[in-house]
Protein backbone atom coordinates (compact mmCIF):
# COMPACT_ATOMS: atom_id res chain seq x y z
CA MET A 1 47.32 -34.50 -40.96
CA ALA A 2 47.14 -38.15 -39.90
CA ASP A 3 49.58 -37.53 -37.08
CA VAL A 4 47.43 -34.71 -35.60
CA ILE A 5 44.16 -36.57 -35.07
CA GLU A 6 44.87 -39.83 -33.30
CA PRO A 7 42.33 -42.62 -32.60
CA GLN A 8 42.38 -42.16 -28.83
CA LEU A 9 41.68 -38.41 -28.78
CA ASP A 10 38.55 -37.28 -26.95
CA ILE A 11 35.76 -35.80 -29.05
CA ARG A 12 33.09 -33.39 -27.82
CA ILE A 13 29.99 -32.77 -29.91
CA ALA A 14 28.44 -29.47 -28.80
CA ARG A 15 24.81 -28.56 -29.47
CA PRO A 16 22.46 -25.85 -28.27
CA VAL A 17 19.18 -27.03 -26.77
CA LEU A 18 16.11 -25.26 -25.42
CA ASP A 19 15.48 -27.40 -22.34
CA LEU A 20 18.31 -29.19 -20.52
CA ASP A 21 15.87 -31.16 -18.35
CA ALA A 22 14.19 -32.61 -21.45
CA SER A 23 17.59 -33.39 -22.98
CA GLU A 24 18.77 -35.10 -19.79
CA ASP A 25 15.58 -37.15 -19.65
CA PHE A 26 16.02 -38.34 -23.25
CA TYR A 27 19.76 -39.00 -23.31
CA VAL A 28 20.24 -40.34 -19.76
CA ARG A 29 16.96 -42.04 -18.85
CA GLY A 30 15.83 -42.73 -22.43
CA LEU A 31 19.02 -43.81 -24.19
CA GLY A 32 20.97 -44.82 -21.10
CA LEU A 33 23.98 -42.54 -21.54
CA ASP A 34 25.85 -41.51 -18.41
CA LEU A 35 25.38 -38.05 -16.92
CA LEU A 36 28.97 -36.81 -16.96
CA CYS A 37 28.43 -33.26 -15.78
CA ARG A 38 25.72 -30.66 -15.22
CA ILE A 39 26.63 -27.07 -14.41
CA ALA A 40 24.47 -24.00 -13.96
CA GLY A 41 26.07 -21.14 -15.86
CA ARG A 42 26.35 -17.59 -14.61
CA PRO A 43 24.24 -15.52 -17.01
CA GLU A 44 25.83 -12.29 -15.78
CA ALA A 45 29.17 -13.63 -17.05
CA GLY A 46 27.64 -14.77 -20.35
CA GLU A 47 27.84 -18.43 -19.36
CA ARG A 48 25.33 -21.05 -20.46
CA ASP A 49 23.89 -23.93 -18.49
CA LEU A 50 25.73 -27.10 -19.43
CA LEU A 51 24.89 -30.79 -19.61
CA MET A 52 27.44 -33.40 -20.70
CA VAL A 53 26.35 -36.97 -21.46
CA GLY A 54 28.08 -39.96 -22.98
CA PRO A 55 29.64 -43.29 -22.10
CA ALA A 56 31.57 -42.92 -18.83
CA ASP A 57 34.77 -44.42 -20.24
CA GLY A 58 34.23 -43.35 -23.83
CA PHE A 59 36.29 -41.10 -26.04
CA TRP A 60 33.32 -38.91 -26.92
CA HIS A 61 30.53 -37.00 -25.24
CA LEU A 62 27.71 -34.62 -26.05
CA GLU A 63 27.85 -31.12 -24.60
CA LEU A 64 24.37 -29.62 -24.53
CA THR A 65 24.01 -25.95 -23.62
CA ALA A 66 21.08 -23.66 -22.92
CA SER A 67 20.56 -20.08 -21.80
CA SER A 68 17.32 -18.33 -20.97
CA ALA A 69 19.09 -14.96 -21.26
CA ASP A 70 20.50 -15.63 -24.74
CA PRO A 71 18.81 -18.72 -26.22
CA VAL A 72 20.13 -20.30 -29.41
CA ARG A 73 17.38 -22.10 -31.27
CA PRO A 74 18.51 -25.55 -32.45
CA THR A 75 18.39 -25.96 -36.22
CA PRO A 76 19.22 -29.60 -36.95
CA THR A 77 18.68 -30.96 -40.45
CA PRO A 78 17.46 -34.50 -41.22
CA GLU A 79 21.07 -35.43 -42.07
CA ASP A 80 22.60 -34.23 -38.76
CA LEU A 81 22.92 -37.66 -37.18
CA LEU A 82 24.49 -39.20 -34.13
CA VAL A 83 24.85 -42.84 -35.21
CA VAL A 84 25.27 -45.48 -32.52
CA TYR A 85 26.59 -48.80 -33.87
CA LEU A 86 25.12 -51.45 -31.57
CA GLY A 87 26.41 -54.47 -33.47
CA ARG A 88 23.21 -56.36 -32.59
CA PRO A 89 19.49 -55.97 -33.26
CA VAL A 90 18.03 -52.76 -31.88
CA PRO A 91 16.09 -53.74 -28.74
CA GLU A 92 12.42 -52.76 -29.02
CA GLU A 93 12.41 -51.92 -25.29
CA ALA A 94 15.28 -49.47 -25.81
CA VAL A 95 13.29 -47.66 -28.49
CA ALA A 96 10.14 -47.67 -26.34
CA ARG A 97 12.11 -46.30 -23.36
CA ALA A 98 13.60 -43.51 -25.52
CA VAL A 99 10.09 -42.60 -26.70
CA ARG A 100 8.76 -42.58 -23.11
CA HIS A 101 11.53 -40.11 -22.26
CA GLY A 102 10.87 -37.55 -24.97
CA GLY A 103 12.12 -39.14 -28.20
CA THR A 104 10.12 -39.61 -31.36
CA VAL A 105 10.65 -42.39 -33.91
CA VAL A 106 11.02 -40.70 -37.31
CA PRO A 107 11.66 -42.01 -40.81
CA SER A 108 15.25 -41.46 -41.82
CA HIS A 109 16.00 -38.99 -44.59
CA ASN A 110 18.42 -41.62 -45.92
CA PRO A 111 16.49 -44.91 -46.28
CA TYR A 112 19.69 -46.86 -45.53
CA TRP A 113 19.21 -46.18 -41.81
CA ASP A 114 15.60 -47.45 -41.89
CA ARG A 115 16.85 -50.77 -43.29
CA CYS A 116 19.39 -51.35 -40.54
CA GLY A 117 18.13 -49.43 -37.53
CA VAL A 118 15.78 -46.94 -35.93
CA THR A 119 16.01 -43.16 -36.12
CA LEU A 120 14.87 -41.13 -33.13
CA ALA A 121 14.46 -37.37 -32.86
CA ASP A 122 15.39 -35.91 -29.49
CA PRO A 123 13.27 -33.12 -27.91
CA ASP A 124 15.09 -30.48 -30.02
CA GLY A 125 14.86 -32.44 -33.28
CA TYR A 126 18.43 -33.76 -33.35
CA ARG A 127 18.45 -37.27 -34.76
CA VAL A 128 19.99 -40.35 -33.18
CA VAL A 129 20.25 -43.55 -35.20
CA LEU A 130 20.46 -46.84 -33.32
CA THR A 131 21.77 -49.33 -35.86
CA ASP A 132 22.35 -53.06 -35.76
CA ARG A 133 25.51 -52.56 -37.82
CA THR A 134 29.06 -52.27 -36.59
CA TRP A 135 31.49 -49.72 -37.88
CA ARG A 136 33.70 -52.52 -39.24
CA SER A 137 30.80 -53.90 -41.29
CA VAL A 138 30.21 -50.48 -42.83
CA THR A 139 33.86 -49.99 -43.78
CA SER A 140 34.02 -53.58 -45.10
CA ASP A 141 30.93 -52.95 -47.26
CA ARG A 142 32.52 -49.83 -48.73
CA THR A 143 35.73 -51.67 -49.52
CA ALA A 144 33.83 -54.54 -51.12
CA THR A 145 31.55 -52.30 -53.22
CA GLY A 146 34.04 -49.56 -53.96
CA SER A 147 31.63 -46.83 -52.79
């Protein structure tokens, strides 16, 4: 299996949302992700409206879809997380900006994230963790502790 999924492959995380404008406000103006694409779907063809956000040169992006003709209600759990490893302290202004643009600071279901970051709920309840950790520090901790 290791030869199928390579490190440089693009990843798309797809989620239904109720309001693309609110999602765009939170992810683009609140968190500072790039607006990669926004397309109005053709309901008569069963298409959904589409918003893609993420880092412009990244290997991942969020695809957010909505349809007034056939809405899918988001059902995120407290453990459905998008974790962003900042590798530096979480800027208070970044959190305040995300809140001004529709996010809500929430306690994490897993207290680990409260110790090393801030958890935000987006307008549909999906959770985004901004953490001061780096991915390397997390994998190093696991190797050192054996967990």
